[in-house]
Protein backbone atom coordinates (compact mmCIF):
# COMPACT_ATOMS: atom_id res chain seq x y z
CA MET A 1 0.00 0.00 0.00
CA LEU A 2 2.81 2.38 0.89
CA GLN A 3 4.63 1.91 -2.42
CA PHE A 4 1.42 2.29 -4.45
CA ALA A 5 0.51 5.44 -2.53
CA GLN A 6 3.93 7.00 -3.14
CA ILE A 7 3.91 6.24 -6.87
CA ASN A 8 0.28 7.37 -7.40
CA ASN A 9 0.22 10.45 -5.14
CA VAL A 10 -2.20 8.93 -2.63
CA THR A 11 -1.77 10.65 0.73
CA LEU A 12 -1.45 8.29 3.68
CA GLY A 13 -2.54 9.82 6.97
CA SER A 14 -0.08 7.76 9.03
CA ASP A 15 2.39 4.91 8.95
CA ASP A 16 0.16 2.66 11.06
CA LEU A 17 -3.29 1.11 10.66
CA TYR A 18 -5.86 2.46 13.12
CA MET A 19 -8.78 0.24 14.12
CA SER A 20 -11.39 1.72 16.46
CA ALA A 21 -14.12 0.06 18.50
CA LYS A 22 -16.66 2.02 16.42
CA GLN A 23 -15.48 0.45 13.16
CA LEU A 24 -15.28 -3.01 14.70
CA ARG A 25 -18.88 -2.70 15.94
CA HIS A 26 -19.91 -1.42 12.51
CA CYS A 27 -18.54 -4.46 10.69
CA MET A 28 -20.27 -6.81 13.16
CA ARG A 29 -23.65 -5.04 13.30
CA PRO A 30 -26.84 -7.14 13.56
CA SER A 31 -28.14 -6.19 10.10
CA LYS A 32 -24.95 -7.49 8.47
CA ASN A 33 -25.08 -10.62 10.63
CA ALA A 34 -28.67 -11.30 9.53
CA LYS A 35 -27.46 -11.34 5.90
CA GLY A 36 -24.55 -13.67 6.71
CA LEU A 37 -21.95 -11.05 5.80
CA VAL A 38 -20.09 -10.79 9.11
CA VAL A 39 -16.42 -11.74 8.95
CA ALA A 40 -15.27 -14.46 11.34
CA GLU A 41 -13.91 -13.09 14.60
CA ALA A 42 -10.57 -14.87 14.10
CA ASP A 43 -10.20 -13.25 10.65
CA LEU A 44 -10.92 -9.82 12.11
CA ILE A 45 -8.44 -10.33 14.96
CA GLY A 46 -5.77 -11.57 12.55
CA PHE A 47 -6.28 -8.85 9.94
CA PRO A 48 -3.56 -6.41 11.13
CA LYS A 49 -0.87 -9.08 10.67
CA ASN A 50 -2.45 -11.12 7.86
CA ARG A 51 -3.04 -8.13 5.55
CA PHE A 52 0.54 -8.35 4.35
CA PHE A 53 -0.27 -11.72 2.73
CA MET A 54 -3.61 -10.70 1.18
CA ASP A 55 -4.44 -9.41 -2.28
CA LEU A 56 -4.66 -5.63 -2.34
CA TYR A 57 -6.87 -3.45 -4.54
CA TYR A 58 -7.50 0.28 -4.85
CA ASP A 59 -10.83 1.75 -5.95
CA GLY A 60 -9.78 5.38 -6.24
CA GLU A 61 -10.70 6.20 -2.66
CA CYS A 62 -9.99 3.22 -0.39
CA PHE A 63 -7.75 0.19 -0.28
CA ILE A 64 -9.39 -3.24 -0.19
CA TYR A 65 -7.59 -6.24 1.26
CA THR A 66 -9.00 -9.68 0.47
CA ASP A 67 -8.11 -13.26 1.26
CA GLY A 68 -10.66 -14.66 -1.19
CA HIS A 69 -13.31 -15.15 1.50
CA SER A 70 -13.46 -11.78 3.23
CA LYS A 71 -12.65 -8.22 2.30
CA PHE A 72 -11.38 -5.43 4.52
CA ILE A 73 -11.78 -1.77 3.60
CA VAL A 74 -9.07 0.70 4.66
CA HIS A 75 -9.24 4.47 4.09
CA PRO A 76 -5.77 5.90 3.45
CA ASN A 77 -6.34 9.36 4.92
CA TYR A 78 -9.32 9.38 7.27
CA LYS A 79 -9.90 12.45 9.47
CA MET A 80 -11.02 11.64 13.00
CA LYS A 81 -10.92 12.97 16.51
CA ILE A 82 -8.58 11.22 18.92
CA SER A 83 -8.12 12.69 22.40
CA ARG A 84 -9.94 15.89 21.36
CA GLU A 85 -7.56 16.45 18.46
CA VAL A 86 -8.44 16.07 14.77
CA VAL A 87 -5.88 13.79 13.13
CA GLN A 88 -5.53 11.89 9.88
CA GLN A 89 -4.96 8.15 10.00
CA VAL A 90 -4.84 5.10 7.76
CA ASN A 91 -8.12 3.79 9.14
CA PHE A 92 -9.89 0.43 9.04
CA ILE A 93 -13.44 1.18 7.86
CA THR A 94 -15.26 -2.15 7.69
CA ALA A 95 -15.04 -5.81 6.77
CA THR A 96 -17.49 -8.13 5.04
CA ARG A 97 -17.76 -11.61 3.61
CA ARG A 98 -17.24 -11.71 -0.15
CA THR A 99 -20.27 -13.00 -1.96
CA ASP A 100 -19.27 -12.35 -5.58
CA ILE A 101 -16.21 -14.24 -6.79
CA LYS A 102 -15.91 -11.95 -9.84
CA GLU A 103 -16.16 -8.74 -7.80
CA PHE A 104 -12.57 -7.66 -8.46
CA ASN A 105 -12.55 -8.58 -12.17
CA GLY A 106 -14.06 -5.29 -13.33
CA LYS A 107 -12.47 -1.95 -14.15
CA ARG A 108 -13.49 -0.39 -10.82
CA TYR A 109 -10.52 -1.86 -8.95
CA ILE A 110 -6.78 -1.59 -9.55
CA LYS A 111 -4.90 -4.67 -8.38
CA ILE A 112 -1.72 -3.80 -6.55
C-alpha cells in the first residue's frame, strides 16, 4: 500500500493502521449478521498481521484487502478525533464476507 501510494500520489494519513471500536462494531452489526456477511472473529483479529499476505486493490478512494473469502476496507487518509484532536490516519473502515467471486474482475478496482 505504501509503495502504491507514493507512486500514485495517494496521501497516507499515518504509517500505522488504526482500528477503532466504532469500526469493529460497525462491521459486526446485527443487520450485516442477519445477511450472513459478518467476517469471522478470528479473521478480524488476525487482519492487522495477515493483511501483508492478502491481495490488495485500490478503488480510487480506499484500499481493499481480500483473502478470497473476506474483504477489509481501509481508508488511506481518514480524518477523526482522537483525544480531542483532529488527526488523519490510515483507518480500518469495515469488513465483510465476499459474496461475488468476480467482484474484483471489473475496471473499478486496480490490483496492486
